[in-house]
Amino acid sequence: MGNLLGNGKFEIEADGVKIMVSEHTVQDQQVYRLIFNDKRPPLVITRASTWHGKTWTSIPQGRQQEAETFGQIVTQYLDRR
């Protein structure tokens, strides 16, 4: 297992759902773990570079739509801090 360091926590909201976000560094990559207050499973997301530019993706893959949606909200939060 790689180096796992906690970098910070913050809360965001989307469509009335509160989401606790914790930022981590895993093998020199920033990942974000999202815990939802509506009982859905936690989601881990990271930024990925593709031919079409940077995008958010879920780890493990399979929740791409949520990764893109909530990743945009995380980006907005990070740009403001």
Protein backbone atom coordinates (compact mmCIF):
# COMPACT_ATOMS: atom_id res chain seq x y z
CA MET A 1 0.00 0.00 0.00
CA GLY A 2 1.25 3.45 -0.85
CA ASN A 3 1.82 6.44 1.31
CA LEU A 4 -1.53 7.65 2.66
CA LEU A 5 -1.46 11.10 4.23
CA GLY A 6 -4.50 13.06 5.31
CA ASN A 7 -4.38 16.58 3.85
CA GLY A 8 -7.63 18.11 5.02
CA LYS A 9 -11.38 17.85 5.31
CA PHE A 10 -14.20 20.05 4.13
CA GLU A 11 -17.93 19.88 3.50
CA ILE A 12 -19.80 20.55 0.27
CA GLU A 13 -23.47 20.32 -0.65
CA ALA A 14 -25.21 19.16 -3.83
CA ASP A 15 -28.97 18.92 -4.40
CA GLY A 16 -29.61 19.14 -0.65
CA VAL A 17 -27.14 16.34 0.16
CA LYS A 18 -24.28 17.19 2.51
CA ILE A 19 -20.99 15.57 1.58
CA MET A 20 -17.92 15.32 3.83
CA VAL A 21 -14.78 15.36 1.69
CA SER A 22 -11.37 14.24 2.90
CA GLU A 23 -8.29 14.90 0.81
CA HIS A 24 -5.45 12.36 0.71
CA THR A 25 -2.18 11.80 -1.11
CA VAL A 26 -1.65 8.25 -2.37
CA GLN A 27 1.61 7.58 -4.22
CA ASP A 28 1.98 11.28 -5.12
CA GLN A 29 -1.62 11.57 -6.41
CA GLN A 30 -4.39 13.62 -4.80
CA VAL A 31 -7.54 11.64 -4.13
CA TYR A 32 -10.75 12.72 -2.46
CA ARG A 33 -13.02 10.48 -0.39
CA LEU A 34 -16.63 11.64 -0.31
CA ILE A 35 -19.01 10.52 2.42
CA PHE A 36 -22.67 11.32 1.75
CA ASN A 37 -25.32 11.98 4.40
CA ASP A 38 -28.00 10.21 2.29
CA LYS A 39 -26.58 6.72 3.01
CA ARG A 40 -25.14 6.03 -0.48
CA PRO A 41 -21.72 4.30 -0.42
CA PRO A 42 -18.62 6.51 -0.08
CA LEU A 43 -17.00 7.60 -3.33
CA VAL A 44 -13.27 8.04 -4.01
CA ILE A 45 -12.37 10.35 -6.91
CA THR A 46 -9.24 11.74 -8.53
CA ARG A 47 -8.29 13.87 -11.53
CA ALA A 48 -7.17 11.99 -14.63
CA SER A 49 -5.55 13.30 -17.79
CA THR A 50 -7.13 12.10 -21.04
CA TRP A 51 -6.91 13.01 -24.71
CA HIS A 52 -9.81 15.39 -24.07
CA GLY A 53 -8.14 17.11 -21.11
CA LYS A 54 -8.47 16.57 -17.38
CA THR A 55 -11.52 14.82 -15.99
CA TRP A 56 -12.65 13.38 -12.69
CA THR A 57 -12.81 9.60 -12.33
CA SER A 58 -13.88 7.20 -9.60
CA ILE A 59 -11.62 4.69 -7.86
CA PRO A 60 -12.40 1.94 -8.57
CA GLN A 61 -14.04 2.72 -11.88
CA GLY A 62 -17.79 2.30 -12.21
CA ARG A 63 -19.22 5.52 -10.76
CA GLN A 64 -18.02 7.86 -13.50
CA GLN A 65 -21.14 10.01 -13.65
CA GLU A 66 -20.99 10.73 -9.92
CA ALA A 67 -17.23 11.35 -10.12
CA GLU A 68 -17.71 14.00 -12.80
CA THR A 69 -20.65 15.65 -11.04
CA PHE A 70 -19.14 15.82 -7.57
CA GLY A 71 -15.62 16.44 -8.89
CA GLN A 72 -16.83 19.71 -10.43
CA ILE A 73 -18.21 20.76 -7.04
CA VAL A 74 -14.92 19.83 -5.35
CA THR A 75 -13.05 21.89 -7.97
CA GLN A 76 -15.26 24.91 -7.27
CA TYR A 77 -14.61 24.57 -3.54
CA LEU A 78 -10.83 24.21 -4.01
CA ASP A 79 -10.69 27.22 -6.36
CA ARG A 80 -12.31 29.37 -3.63
CA ARG A 81 -9.99 28.42 -0.78
